[in-house]
Amino acid sequence: MGAVGPTRIEVLHLYKQLIKNSRLFNDYNFREFFLRRSRESFKANKHLNDSQAIIDCYNRGLEDLSVLKRQSIISQLYTFDKLVVEPLKGSR
């Protein structure tokens, strides 16, 4: 009997949480890195069919989310000047 993997809704919720927490980084380089990494890892595993591989990726995503939450909180403790490449709020 195969293991039951996460539902589509659970996977989408994990993806949204990763994106949301990635946006909390004050530093532009970290923020863009984690956004890109989250998107690329989900895109790379989009066509997984093996339930055990899906479970492994989902569990890895949950671990990444917990690390991301901790690191984004630490990032918010330190302020950085905006970089030239960052758009100013309200300028679009």
Protein backbone atom coordinates (compact mmCIF):
# COMPACT_ATOMS: atom_id res chain seq x y z
CA MET A 1 0.00 0.00 0.00
CA GLY A 2 1.48 3.36 -1.05
CA ALA A 3 1.83 6.35 1.19
CA VAL A 4 -0.75 9.10 0.85
CA GLY A 5 0.87 12.34 -0.23
CA PRO A 6 -0.17 15.92 0.39
CA THR A 7 -3.21 17.22 -1.46
CA ARG A 8 -2.98 19.79 -4.23
CA ILE A 9 -4.38 22.41 -1.86
CA GLU A 10 -1.70 21.66 0.75
CA VAL A 11 1.04 21.98 -1.87
CA LEU A 12 -0.37 25.29 -3.14
CA HIS A 13 -0.63 26.56 0.44
CA LEU A 14 3.02 25.64 1.02
CA TYR A 15 4.02 27.47 -2.18
CA LYS A 16 2.10 30.60 -1.16
CA GLN A 17 3.63 30.52 2.32
CA LEU A 18 7.14 30.24 0.86
CA ILE A 19 6.50 33.20 -1.46
CA LYS A 20 4.91 35.26 1.33
CA ASN A 21 7.77 34.65 3.75
CA SER A 22 10.37 35.27 1.04
CA ARG A 23 8.91 38.74 0.53
CA LEU A 24 9.48 39.58 4.20
CA PHE A 25 13.25 39.87 3.77
CA ASN A 26 14.49 43.45 3.98
CA ASP A 27 17.59 42.78 1.92
CA TYR A 28 16.88 42.81 -1.82
CA ASN A 29 19.41 40.10 -2.68
CA PHE A 30 18.12 37.61 -0.10
CA ARG A 31 14.50 38.40 -0.98
CA GLU A 32 15.01 37.84 -4.71
CA PHE A 33 17.11 34.72 -4.11
CA PHE A 34 14.45 33.03 -1.99
CA LEU A 35 11.64 34.05 -4.33
CA ARG A 36 13.55 32.66 -7.32
CA ARG A 37 14.55 29.50 -5.45
CA SER A 38 10.97 28.80 -4.35
CA ARG A 39 9.54 29.31 -7.83
CA GLU A 40 12.23 27.26 -9.55
CA SER A 41 12.01 24.33 -7.15
CA PHE A 42 8.25 24.08 -7.58
CA LYS A 43 8.55 24.41 -11.33
CA ALA A 44 11.24 21.70 -11.47
CA ASN A 45 9.07 19.26 -9.50
CA LYS A 46 5.83 20.13 -11.25
CA HIS A 47 5.53 16.80 -13.06
CA LEU A 48 6.39 14.41 -10.23
CA ASN A 49 4.19 11.32 -10.24
CA ASP A 50 5.85 9.12 -7.64
CA SER A 51 3.96 9.60 -4.37
CA GLN A 52 7.07 9.03 -2.23
CA ALA A 53 9.01 11.66 -4.21
CA ILE A 54 6.11 14.09 -3.76
CA ILE A 55 6.05 13.43 -0.01
CA ASP A 56 9.83 13.93 0.20
CA CYS A 57 9.66 17.23 -1.71
CA TYR A 58 6.72 18.41 0.39
CA ASN A 59 8.56 17.62 3.63
CA ARG A 60 11.67 19.39 2.33
CA GLY A 61 9.46 22.38 1.51
CA LEU A 62 8.09 22.42 5.05
CA GLU A 63 11.63 22.40 6.44
CA ASP A 64 12.61 25.22 4.07
CA LEU A 65 9.55 27.19 5.19
CA SER A 66 10.51 26.93 8.86
CA VAL A 67 14.05 28.09 8.07
CA LEU A 68 12.69 30.90 5.91
CA LYS A 69 10.41 32.11 8.71
CA ARG A 70 13.25 32.21 11.22
CA GLN A 71 15.63 33.95 8.84
CA SER A 72 13.08 36.53 7.71
CA ILE A 73 12.48 37.49 11.35
CA ILE A 74 16.22 37.91 11.85
CA SER A 75 16.39 39.93 8.62
CA GLN A 76 13.74 42.32 9.92
CA LEU A 77 15.88 43.12 12.95
CA TYR A 78 18.44 44.83 10.72
CA THR A 79 17.64 47.66 8.34
CA PHE A 80 19.36 48.21 5.04
CA ASP A 81 19.35 51.14 2.65
CA LYS A 82 17.40 50.52 -0.52
CA LEU A 83 19.49 49.54 -3.51
CA VAL A 84 19.32 51.39 -6.82
CA VAL A 85 17.67 48.38 -8.49
CA GLU A 86 14.81 48.30 -5.97
CA PRO A 87 11.68 50.19 -6.97
CA LEU A 88 10.45 52.78 -4.49
CA LYS A 89 6.99 52.16 -3.07
CA GLY A 90 4.35 54.20 -4.85
CA SER A 91 6.55 55.06 -7.83
CA ARG A 92 4.88 52.65 -10.26
